[in-house]
Amino acid sequence: MKKAFCLLLLILFPLQSLADAKLHVAAKIYSEGELIDAPSISMKRGAGAAISVDETYDLSLQASPEESGKILLSGSLSLSSENHAFSVLVDPNIESELEMGSTKITLLVIEA
């Protein structure tokens, strides 16, 4: 019985550590070609995070790992009078770029 319990712990421990793994998202926010800010956000897999800078912008992100190894980033960006919702499937360690009207955001996800 004790061996079976230890074996179960050995199997489940890596799964728990993957679930608790952190993601770092480096973003760059542009408006009309001009860099507004470059925030960096850390979050747990499957969790969300948000950042607000004065009255400049609000950025919220939700990261969901996919079985393919990619990460689904869903979020919203409010900048000036523009509000954008987005959802993009990204590869870790490869910068992705989204353009929404006069707003552009780049996202780089790094697994920790």
N, C-alpha and C. Protein backbone atom coordinates (compact mmCIF):
# COMPACT_ATOMS: atom_id res chain seq x y z
N MET A 1 0.83 -1.19 0.00
CA MET A 1 0.00 0.00 0.00
C MET A 1 0.88 1.26 0.00
N LYS A 2 1.93 1.22 0.82
CA LYS A 2 2.82 2.37 0.90
C LYS A 2 3.51 2.62 -0.44
N LYS A 3 3.90 1.54 -1.13
CA LYS A 3 4.55 1.68 -2.43
C LYS A 3 3.59 2.28 -3.45
N ALA A 4 2.34 1.85 -3.41
CA ALA A 4 1.33 2.38 -4.34
C ALA A 4 1.11 3.87 -4.10
N PHE A 5 1.09 4.27 -2.83
CA PHE A 5 0.90 5.68 -2.48
C PHE A 5 2.09 6.51 -2.97
N CYS A 6 3.30 6.01 -2.77
CA CYS A 6 4.50 6.72 -3.23
C CYS A 6 4.51 6.83 -4.75
N LEU A 7 4.10 5.76 -5.43
CA LEU A 7 4.05 5.78 -6.89
C LEU A 7 3.04 6.82 -7.37
N LEU A 8 1.90 6.88 -6.71
CA LEU A 8 0.87 7.87 -7.06
C LEU A 8 1.40 9.29 -6.88
N LEU A 9 2.12 9.53 -5.80
CA LEU A 9 2.70 10.86 -5.57
C LEU A 9 3.72 11.21 -6.65
N LEU A 10 4.53 10.24 -7.05
CA LEU A 10 5.52 10.49 -8.10
C LEU A 10 4.86 10.83 -9.43
N ILE A 11 3.71 10.23 -9.68
CA ILE A 11 3.00 10.51 -10.93
C ILE A 11 2.33 11.88 -10.87
N LEU A 12 1.69 12.20 -9.76
CA LEU A 12 0.92 13.44 -9.65
C LEU A 12 1.77 14.68 -9.39
N PHE A 13 2.92 14.53 -8.77
CA PHE A 13 3.73 15.70 -8.43
C PHE A 13 4.13 16.52 -9.66
N PRO A 14 4.63 15.89 -10.74
CA PRO A 14 4.97 16.70 -11.92
C PRO A 14 3.75 17.40 -12.52
N LEU A 15 2.58 16.76 -12.48
CA LEU A 15 1.37 17.39 -13.00
C LEU A 15 1.02 18.63 -12.20
N GLN A 16 1.17 18.55 -10.88
CA GLN A 16 0.87 19.70 -10.03
C GLN A 16 1.87 20.82 -10.28
N SER A 17 3.14 20.48 -10.46
CA SER A 17 4.13 21.53 -10.70
C SER A 17 3.90 22.20 -12.05
N LEU A 18 3.40 21.46 -13.05
CA LEU A 18 3.06 22.08 -14.33
C LEU A 18 1.88 23.03 -14.18
N ALA A 19 0.90 22.61 -13.37
CA ALA A 19 -0.27 23.46 -13.18
C ALA A 19 0.10 24.76 -12.47
N ASP A 20 1.10 24.70 -11.59
CA ASP A 20 1.50 25.89 -10.84
C ASP A 20 2.58 26.70 -11.55
N ALA A 21 3.04 26.23 -12.70
CA ALA A 21 4.11 26.92 -13.41
C ALA A 21 3.68 28.34 -13.78
N LYS A 22 4.65 29.22 -13.80
CA LYS A 22 4.35 30.62 -14.12
C LYS A 22 4.67 30.92 -15.57
N LEU A 23 3.95 31.88 -16.07
CA LEU A 23 4.19 32.42 -17.40
C LEU A 23 4.54 33.89 -17.24
N HIS A 24 5.49 34.35 -18.03
CA HIS A 24 5.82 35.77 -18.08
C HIS A 24 5.42 36.26 -19.46
N VAL A 25 4.64 37.31 -19.50
CA VAL A 25 4.20 37.88 -20.77
C VAL A 25 4.80 39.28 -20.89
N ALA A 26 5.63 39.45 -21.91
CA ALA A 26 6.20 40.77 -22.21
C ALA A 26 5.39 41.35 -23.36
N ALA A 27 4.82 42.51 -23.13
CA ALA A 27 3.97 43.14 -24.15
C ALA A 27 4.58 44.48 -24.56
N LYS A 28 4.26 44.89 -25.76
CA LYS A 28 4.58 46.25 -26.23
C LYS A 28 3.30 46.79 -26.83
N ILE A 29 2.90 47.96 -26.37
CA ILE A 29 1.65 48.57 -26.82
C ILE A 29 1.98 49.81 -27.64
N TYR A 30 1.45 49.84 -28.86
CA TYR A 30 1.68 50.96 -29.78
C TYR A 30 0.35 51.61 -30.14
N SER A 31 0.38 52.92 -30.30
CA SER A 31 -0.78 53.65 -30.81
C SER A 31 -0.29 54.54 -31.94
N GLU A 32 -0.87 54.37 -33.11
CA GLU A 32 -0.48 55.12 -34.31
C GLU A 32 1.02 55.05 -34.55
N GLY A 33 1.60 53.85 -34.36
CA GLY A 33 3.02 53.63 -34.62
C GLY A 33 3.95 54.05 -33.51
N GLU A 34 3.44 54.69 -32.46
CA GLU A 34 4.28 55.17 -31.36
C GLU A 34 4.18 54.22 -30.17
N LEU A 35 5.34 53.82 -29.61
CA LEU A 35 5.36 52.94 -28.45
C LEU A 35 4.79 53.69 -27.25
N ILE A 36 3.74 53.13 -26.66
CA ILE A 36 3.10 53.73 -25.48
C ILE A 36 3.73 53.19 -24.20
N ASP A 37 3.90 51.86 -24.14
CA ASP A 37 4.48 51.24 -22.95
C ASP A 37 4.89 49.81 -23.29
N ALA A 38 5.71 49.23 -22.42
CA ALA A 38 6.16 47.84 -22.59
C ALA A 38 6.05 47.12 -21.25
N PRO A 39 4.81 46.79 -20.84
CA PRO A 39 4.64 46.12 -19.54
C PRO A 39 5.04 44.65 -19.60
N SER A 40 5.38 44.12 -18.45
CA SER A 40 5.69 42.70 -18.30
C SER A 40 4.80 42.17 -17.18
N ILE A 41 4.11 41.07 -17.45
CA ILE A 41 3.15 40.52 -16.50
C ILE A 41 3.52 39.07 -16.21
N SER A 42 3.48 38.67 -14.94
CA SER A 42 3.69 37.28 -14.54
C SER A 42 2.37 36.72 -14.03
N MET A 43 2.08 35.47 -14.42
CA MET A 43 0.84 34.84 -13.97
C MET A 43 1.01 33.34 -13.95
N LYS A 44 0.14 32.66 -13.22
CA LYS A 44 0.13 31.20 -13.22
C LYS A 44 -0.61 30.72 -14.45
N ARG A 45 -0.27 29.52 -14.90
CA ARG A 45 -0.99 28.91 -16.03
C ARG A 45 -2.48 28.85 -15.70
N GLY A 46 -3.30 29.19 -16.65
CA GLY A 46 -4.75 29.12 -16.48
C GLY A 46 -5.33 30.29 -15.70
N ALA A 47 -4.48 31.16 -15.19
CA ALA A 47 -4.96 32.30 -14.41
C ALA A 47 -4.93 33.56 -15.26
N GLY A 48 -5.48 34.60 -14.72
CA GLY A 48 -5.50 35.88 -15.42
C GLY A 48 -4.70 36.93 -14.66
N ALA A 49 -4.41 38.01 -15.34
CA ALA A 49 -3.70 39.13 -14.74
C ALA A 49 -4.10 40.41 -15.47
N ALA A 50 -3.95 41.52 -14.79
CA ALA A 50 -4.32 42.80 -15.39
C ALA A 50 -3.35 43.88 -14.93
N ILE A 51 -3.22 44.90 -15.77
CA ILE A 51 -2.39 46.05 -15.43
C ILE A 51 -3.09 47.30 -15.93
N SER A 52 -3.05 48.33 -15.10
CA SER A 52 -3.63 49.63 -15.45
C SER A 52 -2.58 50.70 -15.22
N VAL A 53 -2.43 51.58 -16.17
CA VAL A 53 -1.47 52.67 -16.02
C VAL A 53 -2.22 53.98 -16.15
N ASP A 54 -2.37 54.65 -15.01
CA ASP A 54 -3.09 55.92 -14.93
C ASP A 54 -4.32 55.88 -15.83
N GLU A 55 -4.46 56.86 -16.66
CA GLU A 55 -5.56 56.87 -17.62
C GLU A 55 -5.05 56.58 -19.02
N THR A 56 -3.86 55.97 -19.10
CA THR A 56 -3.25 55.69 -20.39
C THR A 56 -3.83 54.43 -21.02
N TYR A 57 -3.79 53.31 -20.29
CA TYR A 57 -4.33 52.06 -20.83
C TYR A 57 -4.66 51.08 -19.71
N ASP A 58 -5.49 50.10 -20.06
CA ASP A 58 -5.82 48.96 -19.21
C ASP A 58 -5.61 47.71 -20.07
N LEU A 59 -4.85 46.77 -19.54
CA LEU A 59 -4.58 45.52 -20.26
C LEU A 59 -4.90 44.36 -19.33
N SER A 60 -5.73 43.44 -19.80
CA SER A 60 -6.00 42.22 -19.03
C SER A 60 -5.73 41.02 -19.92
N LEU A 61 -5.17 39.97 -19.32
CA LEU A 61 -4.80 38.76 -20.06
C LEU A 61 -5.24 37.52 -19.30
N GLN A 62 -5.61 36.51 -20.04
CA GLN A 62 -5.92 35.18 -19.51
C GLN A 62 -5.11 34.20 -20.34
N ALA A 63 -4.30 33.37 -19.69
CA ALA A 63 -3.46 32.41 -20.40
C ALA A 63 -3.95 30.99 -20.16
N SER A 64 -4.19 30.27 -21.23
CA SER A 64 -4.65 28.88 -21.14
C SER A 64 -3.74 27.99 -21.98
N PRO A 65 -2.98 27.11 -21.34
CA PRO A 65 -2.11 26.21 -22.10
C PRO A 65 -2.94 25.23 -22.93
N GLU A 66 -2.46 24.92 -24.11
CA GLU A 66 -3.11 23.96 -25.01
C GLU A 66 -2.28 22.68 -25.03
N GLU A 67 -2.91 21.57 -25.41
CA GLU A 67 -2.21 20.29 -25.49
C GLU A 67 -1.09 20.32 -26.53
N SER A 68 -1.21 21.18 -27.52
CA SER A 68 -0.21 21.28 -28.58
C SER A 68 1.09 21.94 -28.12
N GLY A 69 1.09 22.47 -26.89
CA GLY A 69 2.25 23.19 -26.39
C GLY A 69 2.13 24.69 -26.60
N LYS A 70 1.14 25.10 -27.37
CA LYS A 70 0.90 26.53 -27.57
C LYS A 70 0.09 27.07 -26.40
N ILE A 71 -0.02 28.37 -26.33
CA ILE A 71 -0.76 29.02 -25.25
C ILE A 71 -1.81 29.94 -25.85
N LEU A 72 -3.04 29.79 -25.38
CA LEU A 72 -4.12 30.66 -25.83
C LEU A 72 -4.15 31.88 -24.92
N LEU A 73 -3.88 33.04 -25.50
CA LEU A 73 -3.95 34.30 -24.76
C LEU A 73 -5.23 35.02 -25.16
N SER A 74 -6.08 35.27 -24.19
CA SER A 74 -7.30 36.04 -24.42
C SER A 74 -7.18 37.28 -23.56
N GLY A 75 -7.69 38.37 -24.04
CA GLY A 75 -7.58 39.58 -23.24
C GLY A 75 -8.31 40.75 -23.82
N SER A 76 -8.10 41.86 -23.17
CA SER A 76 -8.69 43.12 -23.64
C SER A 76 -7.69 44.24 -23.40
N LEU A 77 -7.76 45.22 -24.27
CA LEU A 77 -6.90 46.38 -24.19
C LEU A 77 -7.75 47.62 -24.41
N SER A 78 -7.73 48.50 -23.42
CA SER A 78 -8.40 49.80 -23.55
C SER A 78 -7.32 50.85 -23.62
N LEU A 79 -7.32 51.60 -24.70
CA LEU A 79 -6.30 52.61 -24.93
C LEU A 79 -6.99 53.84 -25.50
N SER A 80 -6.90 54.96 -24.79
CA SER A 80 -7.61 56.18 -25.17
C SER A 80 -9.09 55.86 -25.26
N SER A 81 -9.69 56.10 -26.40
CA SER A 81 -11.13 55.83 -26.53
C SER A 81 -11.39 54.51 -27.24
N GLU A 82 -10.33 53.73 -27.50
CA GLU A 82 -10.47 52.46 -28.20
C GLU A 82 -10.48 51.30 -27.20
N ASN A 83 -11.41 50.37 -27.40
CA ASN A 83 -11.48 49.15 -26.59
C ASN A 83 -11.39 47.96 -27.53
N HIS A 84 -10.47 47.06 -27.24
CA HIS A 84 -10.26 45.90 -28.09
C HIS A 84 -10.27 44.63 -27.26
N ALA A 85 -10.93 43.60 -27.77
CA ALA A 85 -10.87 42.26 -27.18
C ALA A 85 -10.14 41.38 -28.19
N PHE A 86 -9.33 40.47 -27.70
CA PHE A 86 -8.57 39.62 -28.62
C PHE A 86 -8.37 38.24 -28.02
N SER A 87 -8.08 37.31 -28.89
CA SER A 87 -7.76 35.95 -28.52
C SER A 87 -6.78 35.44 -29.56
N VAL A 88 -5.62 34.97 -29.12
CA VAL A 88 -4.58 34.55 -30.06
C VAL A 88 -3.86 33.33 -29.50
N LEU A 89 -3.56 32.39 -30.38
CA LEU A 89 -2.81 31.20 -30.02
C LEU A 89 -1.34 31.47 -30.32
N VAL A 90 -0.50 31.41 -29.28
CA VAL A 90 0.91 31.77 -29.44
C VAL A 90 1.83 30.60 -29.10
N ASP A 91 2.99 30.61 -29.72
CA ASP A 91 4.06 29.68 -29.37
C ASP A 91 4.90 30.33 -28.29
N PRO A 92 5.26 29.59 -27.22
CA PRO A 92 6.14 30.15 -26.21
C PRO A 92 7.47 30.59 -26.83
N ASN A 93 8.01 31.68 -26.34
CA ASN A 93 9.31 32.22 -26.75
C ASN A 93 9.35 32.77 -28.18
N ILE A 94 8.18 32.96 -28.79
CA ILE A 94 8.11 33.58 -30.12
C ILE A 94 7.15 34.76 -30.03
N GLU A 95 7.63 35.94 -30.38
CA GLU A 95 6.80 37.14 -30.29
C GLU A 95 5.67 37.12 -31.32
N SER A 96 4.47 37.44 -30.87
CA SER A 96 3.30 37.53 -31.74
C SER A 96 2.85 38.98 -31.81
N GLU A 97 2.26 39.35 -32.92
CA GLU A 97 1.85 40.74 -33.14
C GLU A 97 0.38 40.78 -33.56
N LEU A 98 -0.36 41.69 -32.94
CA LEU A 98 -1.77 41.91 -33.29
C LEU A 98 -1.97 43.37 -33.64
N GLU A 99 -2.69 43.63 -34.72
CA GLU A 99 -3.04 45.01 -35.08
C GLU A 99 -4.55 45.14 -35.04
N MET A 100 -5.01 46.16 -34.35
CA MET A 100 -6.44 46.42 -34.18
C MET A 100 -6.66 47.91 -34.42
N GLY A 101 -7.02 48.26 -35.63
CA GLY A 101 -7.16 49.68 -35.97
C GLY A 101 -5.82 50.37 -35.89
N SER A 102 -5.76 51.48 -35.15
CA SER A 102 -4.50 52.22 -35.01
C SER A 102 -3.66 51.70 -33.85
N THR A 103 -4.13 50.62 -33.22
CA THR A 103 -3.44 50.05 -32.07
C THR A 103 -2.75 48.75 -32.46
N LYS A 104 -1.52 48.59 -31.97
CA LYS A 104 -0.78 47.34 -32.19
C LYS A 104 -0.25 46.88 -30.85
N ILE A 105 -0.28 45.56 -30.64
CA ILE A 105 0.29 44.99 -29.43
C ILE A 105 1.13 43.77 -29.82
N THR A 106 2.32 43.67 -29.25
CA THR A 106 3.14 42.48 -29.44
C THR A 106 3.16 41.75 -28.10
N LEU A 107 3.17 40.42 -28.18
CA LEU A 107 3.12 39.58 -26.98
C LEU A 107 4.19 38.50 -27.08
N LEU A 108 4.99 38.37 -26.04
CA LEU A 108 6.00 37.32 -25.96
C LEU A 108 5.77 36.57 -24.66
N VAL A 109 5.46 35.26 -24.77
CA VAL A 109 5.19 34.44 -23.59
C VAL A 109 6.42 33.59 -23.30
N ILE A 110 6.90 33.67 -22.06
CA ILE A 110 8.05 32.89 -21.62
C ILE A 110 7.59 32.01 -20.47
N GLU A 111 7.80 30.71 -20.60
CA GLU A 111 7.42 29.78 -19.53
C GLU A 111 8.54 29.73 -18.50
N ALA A 112 8.14 29.81 -17.23
CA ALA A 112 9.14 29.79 -16.15
C ALA A 112 9.06 28.49 -15.38
